[in-house]
Amino acid sequence: PFDLRGYYMGQYRDKSSHVVMAEYR
């Protein structure tokens, strides 16, 4: 709920995860 909203929590998991995002408010 604090980054890629749209994926179930824990739906994707591994030893390494990276995220890039941009948001207009």
PDBML (XML) file of the C-alpha atoms, coordinates in Angstrom:
<?xml version="1.0" encoding="UTF-8" ?>
<PDBx:datablock datablockName="MODEL"
   xmlns:PDBx="http://pdbml.pdb.org/schema/pdbx-v50.xsd"
   xmlns:xsi="http://www.w3.org/2001/XMLSchema-instance"
   xsi:schemaLocation="http://pdbml.pdb.org/schema/pdbx-v50.xsd pdbx-v50.xsd">
   <PDBx:atom_siteCategory>
      <PDBx:atom_site id="1">
         <PDBx:B_iso_or_equiv>0.00</PDBx:B_iso_or_equiv>
         <PDBx:Cartn_x>0.000</PDBx:Cartn_x>
         <PDBx:Cartn_y>0.000</PDBx:Cartn_y>
         <PDBx:Cartn_z>0.000</PDBx:Cartn_z>
         <PDBx:auth_asym_id>A</PDBx:auth_asym_id>
         <PDBx:auth_atom_id>CA</PDBx:auth_atom_id>
         <PDBx:auth_comp_id>PRO</PDBx:auth_comp_id>
         <PDBx:auth_seq_id>1</PDBx:auth_seq_id>
         <PDBx:group_PDB>ATOM</PDBx:group_PDB>
         <PDBx:label_alt_id xsi:nil="true" />
         <PDBx:label_asym_id>A</PDBx:label_asym_id>
         <PDBx:label_atom_id>CA</PDBx:label_atom_id>
         <PDBx:label_comp_id>PRO</PDBx:label_comp_id>
         <PDBx:label_entity_id>1</PDBx:label_entity_id>
         <PDBx:label_seq_id>1</PDBx:label_seq_id>
         <PDBx:occupancy>1.00</PDBx:occupancy>
         <PDBx:pdbx_PDB_model_num>1</PDBx:pdbx_PDB_model_num>
         <PDBx:type_symbol>C</PDBx:type_symbol>
      </PDBx:atom_site>
      <PDBx:atom_site id="2">
         <PDBx:B_iso_or_equiv>0.00</PDBx:B_iso_or_equiv>
         <PDBx:Cartn_x>3.029</PDBx:Cartn_x>
         <PDBx:Cartn_y>2.322</PDBx:Cartn_y>
         <PDBx:Cartn_z>0.204</PDBx:Cartn_z>
         <PDBx:auth_asym_id>A</PDBx:auth_asym_id>
         <PDBx:auth_atom_id>CA</PDBx:auth_atom_id>
         <PDBx:auth_comp_id>PHE</PDBx:auth_comp_id>
         <PDBx:auth_seq_id>2</PDBx:auth_seq_id>
         <PDBx:group_PDB>ATOM</PDBx:group_PDB>
         <PDBx:label_alt_id xsi:nil="true" />
         <PDBx:label_asym_id>A</PDBx:label_asym_id>
         <PDBx:label_atom_id>CA</PDBx:label_atom_id>
         <PDBx:label_comp_id>PHE</PDBx:label_comp_id>
         <PDBx:label_entity_id>1</PDBx:label_entity_id>
         <PDBx:label_seq_id>2</PDBx:label_seq_id>
         <PDBx:occupancy>1.00</PDBx:occupancy>
         <PDBx:pdbx_PDB_model_num>1</PDBx:pdbx_PDB_model_num>
         <PDBx:type_symbol>C</PDBx:type_symbol>
      </PDBx:atom_site>
      <PDBx:atom_site id="3">
         <PDBx:B_iso_or_equiv>0.00</PDBx:B_iso_or_equiv>
         <PDBx:Cartn_x>4.487</PDBx:Cartn_x>
         <PDBx:Cartn_y>1.823</PDBx:Cartn_y>
         <PDBx:Cartn_z>-3.282</PDBx:Cartn_z>
         <PDBx:auth_asym_id>A</PDBx:auth_asym_id>
         <PDBx:auth_atom_id>CA</PDBx:auth_atom_id>
         <PDBx:auth_comp_id>ASP</PDBx:auth_comp_id>
         <PDBx:auth_seq_id>3</PDBx:auth_seq_id>
         <PDBx:group_PDB>ATOM</PDBx:group_PDB>
         <PDBx:label_alt_id xsi:nil="true" />
         <PDBx:label_asym_id>A</PDBx:label_asym_id>
         <PDBx:label_atom_id>CA</PDBx:label_atom_id>
         <PDBx:label_comp_id>ASP</PDBx:label_comp_id>
         <PDBx:label_entity_id>1</PDBx:label_entity_id>
         <PDBx:label_seq_id>3</PDBx:label_seq_id>
         <PDBx:occupancy>1.00</PDBx:occupancy>
         <PDBx:pdbx_PDB_model_num>1</PDBx:pdbx_PDB_model_num>
         <PDBx:type_symbol>C</PDBx:type_symbol>
      </PDBx:atom_site>
      <PDBx:atom_site id="4">
         <PDBx:B_iso_or_equiv>0.00</PDBx:B_iso_or_equiv>
         <PDBx:Cartn_x>3.068</PDBx:Cartn_x>
         <PDBx:Cartn_y>-0.233</PDBx:Cartn_y>
         <PDBx:Cartn_z>-6.194</PDBx:Cartn_z>
         <PDBx:auth_asym_id>A</PDBx:auth_asym_id>
         <PDBx:auth_atom_id>CA</PDBx:auth_atom_id>
         <PDBx:auth_comp_id>LEU</PDBx:auth_comp_id>
         <PDBx:auth_seq_id>4</PDBx:auth_seq_id>
         <PDBx:group_PDB>ATOM</PDBx:group_PDB>
         <PDBx:label_alt_id xsi:nil="true" />
         <PDBx:label_asym_id>A</PDBx:label_asym_id>
         <PDBx:label_atom_id>CA</PDBx:label_atom_id>
         <PDBx:label_comp_id>LEU</PDBx:label_comp_id>
         <PDBx:label_entity_id>1</PDBx:label_entity_id>
         <PDBx:label_seq_id>4</PDBx:label_seq_id>
         <PDBx:occupancy>1.00</PDBx:occupancy>
         <PDBx:pdbx_PDB_model_num>1</PDBx:pdbx_PDB_model_num>
         <PDBx:type_symbol>C</PDBx:type_symbol>
      </PDBx:atom_site>
      <PDBx:atom_site id="5">
         <PDBx:B_iso_or_equiv>0.00</PDBx:B_iso_or_equiv>
         <PDBx:Cartn_x>-0.627</PDBx:Cartn_x>
         <PDBx:Cartn_y>-0.073</PDBx:Cartn_y>
         <PDBx:Cartn_z>-5.343</PDBx:Cartn_z>
         <PDBx:auth_asym_id>A</PDBx:auth_asym_id>
         <PDBx:auth_atom_id>CA</PDBx:auth_atom_id>
         <PDBx:auth_comp_id>ARG</PDBx:auth_comp_id>
         <PDBx:auth_seq_id>5</PDBx:auth_seq_id>
         <PDBx:group_PDB>ATOM</PDBx:group_PDB>
         <PDBx:label_alt_id xsi:nil="true" />
         <PDBx:label_asym_id>A</PDBx:label_asym_id>
         <PDBx:label_atom_id>CA</PDBx:label_atom_id>
         <PDBx:label_comp_id>ARG</PDBx:label_comp_id>
         <PDBx:label_entity_id>1</PDBx:label_entity_id>
         <PDBx:label_seq_id>5</PDBx:label_seq_id>
         <PDBx:occupancy>1.00</PDBx:occupancy>
         <PDBx:pdbx_PDB_model_num>1</PDBx:pdbx_PDB_model_num>
         <PDBx:type_symbol>C</PDBx:type_symbol>
      </PDBx:atom_site>
      <PDBx:atom_site id="6">
         <PDBx:B_iso_or_equiv>0.00</PDBx:B_iso_or_equiv>
         <PDBx:Cartn_x>-2.450</PDBx:Cartn_x>
         <PDBx:Cartn_y>-2.626</PDBx:Cartn_y>
         <PDBx:Cartn_z>-7.483</PDBx:Cartn_z>
         <PDBx:auth_asym_id>A</PDBx:auth_asym_id>
         <PDBx:auth_atom_id>CA</PDBx:auth_atom_id>
         <PDBx:auth_comp_id>GLY</PDBx:auth_comp_id>
         <PDBx:auth_seq_id>6</PDBx:auth_seq_id>
         <PDBx:group_PDB>ATOM</PDBx:group_PDB>
         <PDBx:label_alt_id xsi:nil="true" />
         <PDBx:label_asym_id>A</PDBx:label_asym_id>
         <PDBx:label_atom_id>CA</PDBx:label_atom_id>
         <PDBx:label_comp_id>GLY</PDBx:label_comp_id>
         <PDBx:label_entity_id>1</PDBx:label_entity_id>
         <PDBx:label_seq_id>6</PDBx:label_seq_id>
         <PDBx:occupancy>1.00</PDBx:occupancy>
         <PDBx:pdbx_PDB_model_num>1</PDBx:pdbx_PDB_model_num>
         <PDBx:type_symbol>C</PDBx:type_symbol>
      </PDBx:atom_site>
      <PDBx:atom_site id="7">
         <PDBx:B_iso_or_equiv>0.00</PDBx:B_iso_or_equiv>
         <PDBx:Cartn_x>-0.478</PDBx:Cartn_x>
         <PDBx:Cartn_y>-5.737</PDBx:Cartn_y>
         <PDBx:Cartn_z>-6.507</PDBx:Cartn_z>
         <PDBx:auth_asym_id>A</PDBx:auth_asym_id>
         <PDBx:auth_atom_id>CA</PDBx:auth_atom_id>
         <PDBx:auth_comp_id>TYR</PDBx:auth_comp_id>
         <PDBx:auth_seq_id>7</PDBx:auth_seq_id>
         <PDBx:group_PDB>ATOM</PDBx:group_PDB>
         <PDBx:label_alt_id xsi:nil="true" />
         <PDBx:label_asym_id>A</PDBx:label_asym_id>
         <PDBx:label_atom_id>CA</PDBx:label_atom_id>
         <PDBx:label_comp_id>TYR</PDBx:label_comp_id>
         <PDBx:label_entity_id>1</PDBx:label_entity_id>
         <PDBx:label_seq_id>7</PDBx:label_seq_id>
         <PDBx:occupancy>1.00</PDBx:occupancy>
         <PDBx:pdbx_PDB_model_num>1</PDBx:pdbx_PDB_model_num>
         <PDBx:type_symbol>C</PDBx:type_symbol>
      </PDBx:atom_site>
      <PDBx:atom_site id="8">
         <PDBx:B_iso_or_equiv>0.00</PDBx:B_iso_or_equiv>
         <PDBx:Cartn_x>-1.603</PDBx:Cartn_x>
         <PDBx:Cartn_y>-7.955</PDBx:Cartn_y>
         <PDBx:Cartn_z>-3.649</PDBx:Cartn_z>
         <PDBx:auth_asym_id>A</PDBx:auth_asym_id>
         <PDBx:auth_atom_id>CA</PDBx:auth_atom_id>
         <PDBx:auth_comp_id>TYR</PDBx:auth_comp_id>
         <PDBx:auth_seq_id>8</PDBx:auth_seq_id>
         <PDBx:group_PDB>ATOM</PDBx:group_PDB>
         <PDBx:label_alt_id xsi:nil="true" />
         <PDBx:label_asym_id>A</PDBx:label_asym_id>
         <PDBx:label_atom_id>CA</PDBx:label_atom_id>
         <PDBx:label_comp_id>TYR</PDBx:label_comp_id>
         <PDBx:label_entity_id>1</PDBx:label_entity_id>
         <PDBx:label_seq_id>8</PDBx:label_seq_id>
         <PDBx:occupancy>1.00</PDBx:occupancy>
         <PDBx:pdbx_PDB_model_num>1</PDBx:pdbx_PDB_model_num>
         <PDBx:type_symbol>C</PDBx:type_symbol>
      </PDBx:atom_site>
      <PDBx:atom_site id="9">
         <PDBx:B_iso_or_equiv>0.00</PDBx:B_iso_or_equiv>
         <PDBx:Cartn_x>0.618</PDBx:Cartn_x>
         <PDBx:Cartn_y>-7.707</PDBx:Cartn_y>
         <PDBx:Cartn_z>-0.581</PDBx:Cartn_z>
         <PDBx:auth_asym_id>A</PDBx:auth_asym_id>
         <PDBx:auth_atom_id>CA</PDBx:auth_atom_id>
         <PDBx:auth_comp_id>MET</PDBx:auth_comp_id>
         <PDBx:auth_seq_id>9</PDBx:auth_seq_id>
         <PDBx:group_PDB>ATOM</PDBx:group_PDB>
         <PDBx:label_alt_id xsi:nil="true" />
         <PDBx:label_asym_id>A</PDBx:label_asym_id>
         <PDBx:label_atom_id>CA</PDBx:label_atom_id>
         <PDBx:label_comp_id>MET</PDBx:label_comp_id>
         <PDBx:label_entity_id>1</PDBx:label_entity_id>
         <PDBx:label_seq_id>9</PDBx:label_seq_id>
         <PDBx:occupancy>1.00</PDBx:occupancy>
         <PDBx:pdbx_PDB_model_num>1</PDBx:pdbx_PDB_model_num>
         <PDBx:type_symbol>C</PDBx:type_symbol>
      </PDBx:atom_site>
      <PDBx:atom_site id="10">
         <PDBx:B_iso_or_equiv>0.00</PDBx:B_iso_or_equiv>
         <PDBx:Cartn_x>3.199</PDBx:Cartn_x>
         <PDBx:Cartn_y>-10.471</PDBx:Cartn_y>
         <PDBx:Cartn_z>-0.918</PDBx:Cartn_z>
         <PDBx:auth_asym_id>A</PDBx:auth_asym_id>
         <PDBx:auth_atom_id>CA</PDBx:auth_atom_id>
         <PDBx:auth_comp_id>GLY</PDBx:auth_comp_id>
         <PDBx:auth_seq_id>10</PDBx:auth_seq_id>
         <PDBx:group_PDB>ATOM</PDBx:group_PDB>
         <PDBx:label_alt_id xsi:nil="true" />
         <PDBx:label_asym_id>A</PDBx:label_asym_id>
         <PDBx:label_atom_id>CA</PDBx:label_atom_id>
         <PDBx:label_comp_id>GLY</PDBx:label_comp_id>
         <PDBx:label_entity_id>1</PDBx:label_entity_id>
         <PDBx:label_seq_id>10</PDBx:label_seq_id>
         <PDBx:occupancy>1.00</PDBx:occupancy>
         <PDBx:pdbx_PDB_model_num>1</PDBx:pdbx_PDB_model_num>
         <PDBx:type_symbol>C</PDBx:type_symbol>
      </PDBx:atom_site>
      <PDBx:atom_site id="11">
         <PDBx:B_iso_or_equiv>0.00</PDBx:B_iso_or_equiv>
         <PDBx:Cartn_x>2.064</PDBx:Cartn_x>
         <PDBx:Cartn_y>-11.423</PDBx:Cartn_y>
         <PDBx:Cartn_z>-4.411</PDBx:Cartn_z>
         <PDBx:auth_asym_id>A</PDBx:auth_asym_id>
         <PDBx:auth_atom_id>CA</PDBx:auth_atom_id>
         <PDBx:auth_comp_id>GLN</PDBx:auth_comp_id>
         <PDBx:auth_seq_id>11</PDBx:auth_seq_id>
         <PDBx:group_PDB>ATOM</PDBx:group_PDB>
         <PDBx:label_alt_id xsi:nil="true" />
         <PDBx:label_asym_id>A</PDBx:label_asym_id>
         <PDBx:label_atom_id>CA</PDBx:label_atom_id>
         <PDBx:label_comp_id>GLN</PDBx:label_comp_id>
         <PDBx:label_entity_id>1</PDBx:label_entity_id>
         <PDBx:label_seq_id>11</PDBx:label_seq_id>
         <PDBx:occupancy>1.00</PDBx:occupancy>
         <PDBx:pdbx_PDB_model_num>1</PDBx:pdbx_PDB_model_num>
         <PDBx:type_symbol>C</PDBx:type_symbol>
      </PDBx:atom_site>
      <PDBx:atom_site id="12">
         <PDBx:B_iso_or_equiv>0.00</PDBx:B_iso_or_equiv>
         <PDBx:Cartn_x>5.630</PDBx:Cartn_x>
         <PDBx:Cartn_y>-10.881</PDBx:Cartn_y>
         <PDBx:Cartn_z>-5.627</PDBx:Cartn_z>
         <PDBx:auth_asym_id>A</PDBx:auth_asym_id>
         <PDBx:auth_atom_id>CA</PDBx:auth_atom_id>
         <PDBx:auth_comp_id>TYR</PDBx:auth_comp_id>
         <PDBx:auth_seq_id>12</PDBx:auth_seq_id>
         <PDBx:group_PDB>ATOM</PDBx:group_PDB>
         <PDBx:label_alt_id xsi:nil="true" />
         <PDBx:label_asym_id>A</PDBx:label_asym_id>
         <PDBx:label_atom_id>CA</PDBx:label_atom_id>
         <PDBx:label_comp_id>TYR</PDBx:label_comp_id>
         <PDBx:label_entity_id>1</PDBx:label_entity_id>
         <PDBx:label_seq_id>12</PDBx:label_seq_id>
         <PDBx:occupancy>1.00</PDBx:occupancy>
         <PDBx:pdbx_PDB_model_num>1</PDBx:pdbx_PDB_model_num>
         <PDBx:type_symbol>C</PDBx:type_symbol>
      </PDBx:atom_site>
      <PDBx:atom_site id="13">
         <PDBx:B_iso_or_equiv>0.00</PDBx:B_iso_or_equiv>
         <PDBx:Cartn_x>8.530</PDBx:Cartn_x>
         <PDBx:Cartn_y>-11.706</PDBx:Cartn_y>
         <PDBx:Cartn_z>-3.337</PDBx:Cartn_z>
         <PDBx:auth_asym_id>A</PDBx:auth_asym_id>
         <PDBx:auth_atom_id>CA</PDBx:auth_atom_id>
         <PDBx:auth_comp_id>ARG</PDBx:auth_comp_id>
         <PDBx:auth_seq_id>13</PDBx:auth_seq_id>
         <PDBx:group_PDB>ATOM</PDBx:group_PDB>
         <PDBx:label_alt_id xsi:nil="true" />
         <PDBx:label_asym_id>A</PDBx:label_asym_id>
         <PDBx:label_atom_id>CA</PDBx:label_atom_id>
         <PDBx:label_comp_id>ARG</PDBx:label_comp_id>
         <PDBx:label_entity_id>1</PDBx:label_entity_id>
         <PDBx:label_seq_id>13</PDBx:label_seq_id>
         <PDBx:occupancy>1.00</PDBx:occupancy>
         <PDBx:pdbx_PDB_model_num>1</PDBx:pdbx_PDB_model_num>
         <PDBx:type_symbol>C</PDBx:type_symbol>
      </PDBx:atom_site>
      <PDBx:atom_site id="14">
         <PDBx:B_iso_or_equiv>0.00</PDBx:B_iso_or_equiv>
         <PDBx:Cartn_x>12.193</PDBx:Cartn_x>
         <PDBx:Cartn_y>-12.557</PDBx:Cartn_y>
         <PDBx:Cartn_z>-3.764</PDBx:Cartn_z>
         <PDBx:auth_asym_id>A</PDBx:auth_asym_id>
         <PDBx:auth_atom_id>CA</PDBx:auth_atom_id>
         <PDBx:auth_comp_id>ASP</PDBx:auth_comp_id>
         <PDBx:auth_seq_id>14</PDBx:auth_seq_id>
         <PDBx:group_PDB>ATOM</PDBx:group_PDB>
         <PDBx:label_alt_id xsi:nil="true" />
         <PDBx:label_asym_id>A</PDBx:label_asym_id>
         <PDBx:label_atom_id>CA</PDBx:label_atom_id>
         <PDBx:label_comp_id>ASP</PDBx:label_comp_id>
         <PDBx:label_entity_id>1</PDBx:label_entity_id>
         <PDBx:label_seq_id>14</PDBx:label_seq_id>
         <PDBx:occupancy>1.00</PDBx:occupancy>
         <PDBx:pdbx_PDB_model_num>1</PDBx:pdbx_PDB_model_num>
         <PDBx:type_symbol>C</PDBx:type_symbol>
      </PDBx:atom_site>
      <PDBx:atom_site id="15">
         <PDBx:B_iso_or_equiv>0.00</PDBx:B_iso_or_equiv>
         <PDBx:Cartn_x>15.538</PDBx:Cartn_x>
         <PDBx:Cartn_y>-11.678</PDBx:Cartn_y>
         <PDBx:Cartn_z>-2.199</PDBx:Cartn_z>
         <PDBx:auth_asym_id>A</PDBx:auth_asym_id>
         <PDBx:auth_atom_id>CA</PDBx:auth_atom_id>
         <PDBx:auth_comp_id>LYS</PDBx:auth_comp_id>
         <PDBx:auth_seq_id>15</PDBx:auth_seq_id>
         <PDBx:group_PDB>ATOM</PDBx:group_PDB>
         <PDBx:label_alt_id xsi:nil="true" />
         <PDBx:label_asym_id>A</PDBx:label_asym_id>
         <PDBx:label_atom_id>CA</PDBx:label_atom_id>
         <PDBx:label_comp_id>LYS</PDBx:label_comp_id>
         <PDBx:label_entity_id>1</PDBx:label_entity_id>
         <PDBx:label_seq_id>15</PDBx:label_seq_id>
         <PDBx:occupancy>1.00</PDBx:occupancy>
         <PDBx:pdbx_PDB_model_num>1</PDBx:pdbx_PDB_model_num>
         <PDBx:type_symbol>C</PDBx:type_symbol>
      </PDBx:atom_site>
      <PDBx:atom_site id="16">
         <PDBx:B_iso_or_equiv>0.00</PDBx:B_iso_or_equiv>
         <PDBx:Cartn_x>15.803</PDBx:Cartn_x>
         <PDBx:Cartn_y>-8.409</PDBx:Cartn_y>
         <PDBx:Cartn_z>-4.126</PDBx:Cartn_z>
         <PDBx:auth_asym_id>A</PDBx:auth_asym_id>
         <PDBx:auth_atom_id>CA</PDBx:auth_atom_id>
         <PDBx:auth_comp_id>SER</PDBx:auth_comp_id>
         <PDBx:auth_seq_id>16</PDBx:auth_seq_id>
         <PDBx:group_PDB>ATOM</PDBx:group_PDB>
         <PDBx:label_alt_id xsi:nil="true" />
         <PDBx:label_asym_id>A</PDBx:label_asym_id>
         <PDBx:label_atom_id>CA</PDBx:label_atom_id>
         <PDBx:label_comp_id>SER</PDBx:label_comp_id>
         <PDBx:label_entity_id>1</PDBx:label_entity_id>
         <PDBx:label_seq_id>16</PDBx:label_seq_id>
         <PDBx:occupancy>1.00</PDBx:occupancy>
         <PDBx:pdbx_PDB_model_num>1</PDBx:pdbx_PDB_model_num>
         <PDBx:type_symbol>C</PDBx:type_symbol>
      </PDBx:atom_site>
      <PDBx:atom_site id="17">
         <PDBx:B_iso_or_equiv>0.00</PDBx:B_iso_or_equiv>
         <PDBx:Cartn_x>13.128</PDBx:Cartn_x>
         <PDBx:Cartn_y>-5.817</PDBx:Cartn_y>
         <PDBx:Cartn_z>-4.939</PDBx:Cartn_z>
         <PDBx:auth_asym_id>A</PDBx:auth_asym_id>
         <PDBx:auth_atom_id>CA</PDBx:auth_atom_id>
         <PDBx:auth_comp_id>SER</PDBx:auth_comp_id>
         <PDBx:auth_seq_id>17</PDBx:auth_seq_id>
         <PDBx:group_PDB>ATOM</PDBx:group_PDB>
         <PDBx:label_alt_id xsi:nil="true" />
         <PDBx:label_asym_id>A</PDBx:label_asym_id>
         <PDBx:label_atom_id>CA</PDBx:label_atom_id>
         <PDBx:label_comp_id>SER</PDBx:label_comp_id>
         <PDBx:label_entity_id>1</PDBx:label_entity_id>
         <PDBx:label_seq_id>17</PDBx:label_seq_id>
         <PDBx:occupancy>1.00</PDBx:occupancy>
         <PDBx:pdbx_PDB_model_num>1</PDBx:pdbx_PDB_model_num>
         <PDBx:type_symbol>C</PDBx:type_symbol>
      </PDBx:atom_site>
      <PDBx:atom_site id="18">
         <PDBx:B_iso_or_equiv>0.00</PDBx:B_iso_or_equiv>
         <PDBx:Cartn_x>13.453</PDBx:Cartn_x>
         <PDBx:Cartn_y>-2.380</PDBx:Cartn_y>
         <PDBx:Cartn_z>-6.565</PDBx:Cartn_z>
         <PDBx:auth_asym_id>A</PDBx:auth_asym_id>
         <PDBx:auth_atom_id>CA</PDBx:auth_atom_id>
         <PDBx:auth_comp_id>HIS</PDBx:auth_comp_id>
         <PDBx:auth_seq_id>18</PDBx:auth_seq_id>
         <PDBx:group_PDB>ATOM</PDBx:group_PDB>
         <PDBx:label_alt_id xsi:nil="true" />
         <PDBx:label_asym_id>A</PDBx:label_asym_id>
         <PDBx:label_atom_id>CA</PDBx:label_atom_id>
         <PDBx:label_comp_id>HIS</PDBx:label_comp_id>
         <PDBx:label_entity_id>1</PDBx:label_entity_id>
         <PDBx:label_seq_id>18</PDBx:label_seq_id>
         <PDBx:occupancy>1.00</PDBx:occupancy>
         <PDBx:pdbx_PDB_model_num>1</PDBx:pdbx_PDB_model_num>
         <PDBx:type_symbol>C</PDBx:type_symbol>
      </PDBx:atom_site>
      <PDBx:atom_site id="19">
         <PDBx:B_iso_or_equiv>0.00</PDBx:B_iso_or_equiv>
         <PDBx:Cartn_x>10.799</PDBx:Cartn_x>
         <PDBx:Cartn_y>0.300</PDBx:Cartn_y>
         <PDBx:Cartn_z>-7.199</PDBx:Cartn_z>
         <PDBx:auth_asym_id>A</PDBx:auth_asym_id>
         <PDBx:auth_atom_id>CA</PDBx:auth_atom_id>
         <PDBx:auth_comp_id>VAL</PDBx:auth_comp_id>
         <PDBx:auth_seq_id>19</PDBx:auth_seq_id>
         <PDBx:group_PDB>ATOM</PDBx:group_PDB>
         <PDBx:label_alt_id xsi:nil="true" />
         <PDBx:label_asym_id>A</PDBx:label_asym_id>
         <PDBx:label_atom_id>CA</PDBx:label_atom_id>
         <PDBx:label_comp_id>VAL</PDBx:label_comp_id>
         <PDBx:label_entity_id>1</PDBx:label_entity_id>
         <PDBx:label_seq_id>19</PDBx:label_seq_id>
         <PDBx:occupancy>1.00</PDBx:occupancy>
         <PDBx:pdbx_PDB_model_num>1</PDBx:pdbx_PDB_model_num>
         <PDBx:type_symbol>C</PDBx:type_symbol>
      </PDBx:atom_site>
      <PDBx:atom_site id="20">
         <PDBx:B_iso_or_equiv>0.00</PDBx:B_iso_or_equiv>
         <PDBx:Cartn_x>10.754</PDBx:Cartn_x>
         <PDBx:Cartn_y>3.625</PDBx:Cartn_y>
         <PDBx:Cartn_z>-9.080</PDBx:Cartn_z>
         <PDBx:auth_asym_id>A</PDBx:auth_asym_id>
         <PDBx:auth_atom_id>CA</PDBx:auth_atom_id>
         <PDBx:auth_comp_id>VAL</PDBx:auth_comp_id>
         <PDBx:auth_seq_id>20</PDBx:auth_seq_id>
         <PDBx:group_PDB>ATOM</PDBx:group_PDB>
         <PDBx:label_alt_id xsi:nil="true" />
         <PDBx:label_asym_id>A</PDBx:label_asym_id>
         <PDBx:label_atom_id>CA</PDBx:label_atom_id>
         <PDBx:label_comp_id>VAL</PDBx:label_comp_id>
         <PDBx:label_entity_id>1</PDBx:label_entity_id>
         <PDBx:label_seq_id>20</PDBx:label_seq_id>
         <PDBx:occupancy>1.00</PDBx:occupancy>
         <PDBx:pdbx_PDB_model_num>1</PDBx:pdbx_PDB_model_num>
         <PDBx:type_symbol>C</PDBx:type_symbol>
      </PDBx:atom_site>
      <PDBx:atom_site id="21">
         <PDBx:B_iso_or_equiv>0.00</PDBx:B_iso_or_equiv>
         <PDBx:Cartn_x>7.669</PDBx:Cartn_x>
         <PDBx:Cartn_y>5.853</PDBx:Cartn_y>
         <PDBx:Cartn_z>-9.011</PDBx:Cartn_z>
         <PDBx:auth_asym_id>A</PDBx:auth_asym_id>
         <PDBx:auth_atom_id>CA</PDBx:auth_atom_id>
         <PDBx:auth_comp_id>MET</PDBx:auth_comp_id>
         <PDBx:auth_seq_id>21</PDBx:auth_seq_id>
         <PDBx:group_PDB>ATOM</PDBx:group_PDB>
         <PDBx:label_alt_id xsi:nil="true" />
         <PDBx:label_asym_id>A</PDBx:label_asym_id>
         <PDBx:label_atom_id>CA</PDBx:label_atom_id>
         <PDBx:label_comp_id>MET</PDBx:label_comp_id>
         <PDBx:label_entity_id>1</PDBx:label_entity_id>
         <PDBx:label_seq_id>21</PDBx:label_seq_id>
         <PDBx:occupancy>1.00</PDBx:occupancy>
         <PDBx:pdbx_PDB_model_num>1</PDBx:pdbx_PDB_model_num>
         <PDBx:type_symbol>C</PDBx:type_symbol>
      </PDBx:atom_site>
      <PDBx:atom_site id="22">
         <PDBx:B_iso_or_equiv>0.00</PDBx:B_iso_or_equiv>
         <PDBx:Cartn_x>6.456</PDBx:Cartn_x>
         <PDBx:Cartn_y>9.377</PDBx:Cartn_y>
         <PDBx:Cartn_z>-9.759</PDBx:Cartn_z>
         <PDBx:auth_asym_id>A</PDBx:auth_asym_id>
         <PDBx:auth_atom_id>CA</PDBx:auth_atom_id>
         <PDBx:auth_comp_id>ALA</PDBx:auth_comp_id>
         <PDBx:auth_seq_id>22</PDBx:auth_seq_id>
         <PDBx:group_PDB>ATOM</PDBx:group_PDB>
         <PDBx:label_alt_id xsi:nil="true" />
         <PDBx:label_asym_id>A</PDBx:label_asym_id>
         <PDBx:label_atom_id>CA</PDBx:label_atom_id>
         <PDBx:label_comp_id>ALA</PDBx:label_comp_id>
         <PDBx:label_entity_id>1</PDBx:label_entity_id>
         <PDBx:label_seq_id>22</PDBx:label_seq_id>
         <PDBx:occupancy>1.00</PDBx:occupancy>
         <PDBx:pdbx_PDB_model_num>1</PDBx:pdbx_PDB_model_num>
         <PDBx:type_symbol>C</PDBx:type_symbol>
      </PDBx:atom_site>
      <PDBx:atom_site id="23">
         <PDBx:B_iso_or_equiv>0.00</PDBx:B_iso_or_equiv>
         <PDBx:Cartn_x>3.255</PDBx:Cartn_x>
         <PDBx:Cartn_y>10.861</PDBx:Cartn_y>
         <PDBx:Cartn_z>-8.330</PDBx:Cartn_z>
         <PDBx:auth_asym_id>A</PDBx:auth_asym_id>
         <PDBx:auth_atom_id>CA</PDBx:auth_atom_id>
         <PDBx:auth_comp_id>GLU</PDBx:auth_comp_id>
         <PDBx:auth_seq_id>23</PDBx:auth_seq_id>
         <PDBx:group_PDB>ATOM</PDBx:group_PDB>
         <PDBx:label_alt_id xsi:nil="true" />
         <PDBx:label_asym_id>A</PDBx:label_asym_id>
         <PDBx:label_atom_id>CA</PDBx:label_atom_id>
         <PDBx:label_comp_id>GLU</PDBx:label_comp_id>
         <PDBx:label_entity_id>1</PDBx:label_entity_id>
         <PDBx:label_seq_id>23</PDBx:label_seq_id>
         <PDBx:occupancy>1.00</PDBx:occupancy>
         <PDBx:pdbx_PDB_model_num>1</PDBx:pdbx_PDB_model_num>
         <PDBx:type_symbol>C</PDBx:type_symbol>
      </PDBx:atom_site>
      <PDBx:atom_site id="24">
         <PDBx:B_iso_or_equiv>0.00</PDBx:B_iso_or_equiv>
         <PDBx:Cartn_x>1.458</PDBx:Cartn_x>
         <PDBx:Cartn_y>14.167</PDBx:Cartn_y>
         <PDBx:Cartn_z>-8.993</PDBx:Cartn_z>
         <PDBx:auth_asym_id>A</PDBx:auth_asym_id>
         <PDBx:auth_atom_id>CA</PDBx:auth_atom_id>
         <PDBx:auth_comp_id>TYR</PDBx:auth_comp_id>
         <PDBx:auth_seq_id>24</PDBx:auth_seq_id>
         <PDBx:group_PDB>ATOM</PDBx:group_PDB>
         <PDBx:label_alt_id xsi:nil="true" />
         <PDBx:label_asym_id>A</PDBx:label_asym_id>
         <PDBx:label_atom_id>CA</PDBx:label_atom_id>
         <PDBx:label_comp_id>TYR</PDBx:label_comp_id>
         <PDBx:label_entity_id>1</PDBx:label_entity_id>
         <PDBx:label_seq_id>24</PDBx:label_seq_id>
         <PDBx:occupancy>1.00</PDBx:occupancy>
         <PDBx:pdbx_PDB_model_num>1</PDBx:pdbx_PDB_model_num>
         <PDBx:type_symbol>C</PDBx:type_symbol>
      </PDBx:atom_site>
      <PDBx:atom_site id="25">
         <PDBx:B_iso_or_equiv>0.00</PDBx:B_iso_or_equiv>
         <PDBx:Cartn_x>-0.566</PDBx:Cartn_x>
         <PDBx:Cartn_y>15.535</PDBx:Cartn_y>
         <PDBx:Cartn_z>-6.054</PDBx:Cartn_z>
         <PDBx:auth_asym_id>A</PDBx:auth_asym_id>
         <PDBx:auth_atom_id>CA</PDBx:auth_atom_id>
         <PDBx:auth_comp_id>ARG</PDBx:auth_comp_id>
         <PDBx:auth_seq_id>25</PDBx:auth_seq_id>
         <PDBx:group_PDB>ATOM</PDBx:group_PDB>
         <PDBx:label_alt_id xsi:nil="true" />
         <PDBx:label_asym_id>A</PDBx:label_asym_id>
         <PDBx:label_atom_id>CA</PDBx:label_atom_id>
         <PDBx:label_comp_id>ARG</PDBx:label_comp_id>
         <PDBx:label_entity_id>1</PDBx:label_entity_id>
         <PDBx:label_seq_id>25</PDBx:label_seq_id>
         <PDBx:occupancy>1.00</PDBx:occupancy>
         <PDBx:pdbx_PDB_model_num>1</PDBx:pdbx_PDB_model_num>
         <PDBx:type_symbol>C</PDBx:type_symbol>
      </PDBx:atom_site>
   </PDBx:atom_siteCategory>
</PDBx:datablock>
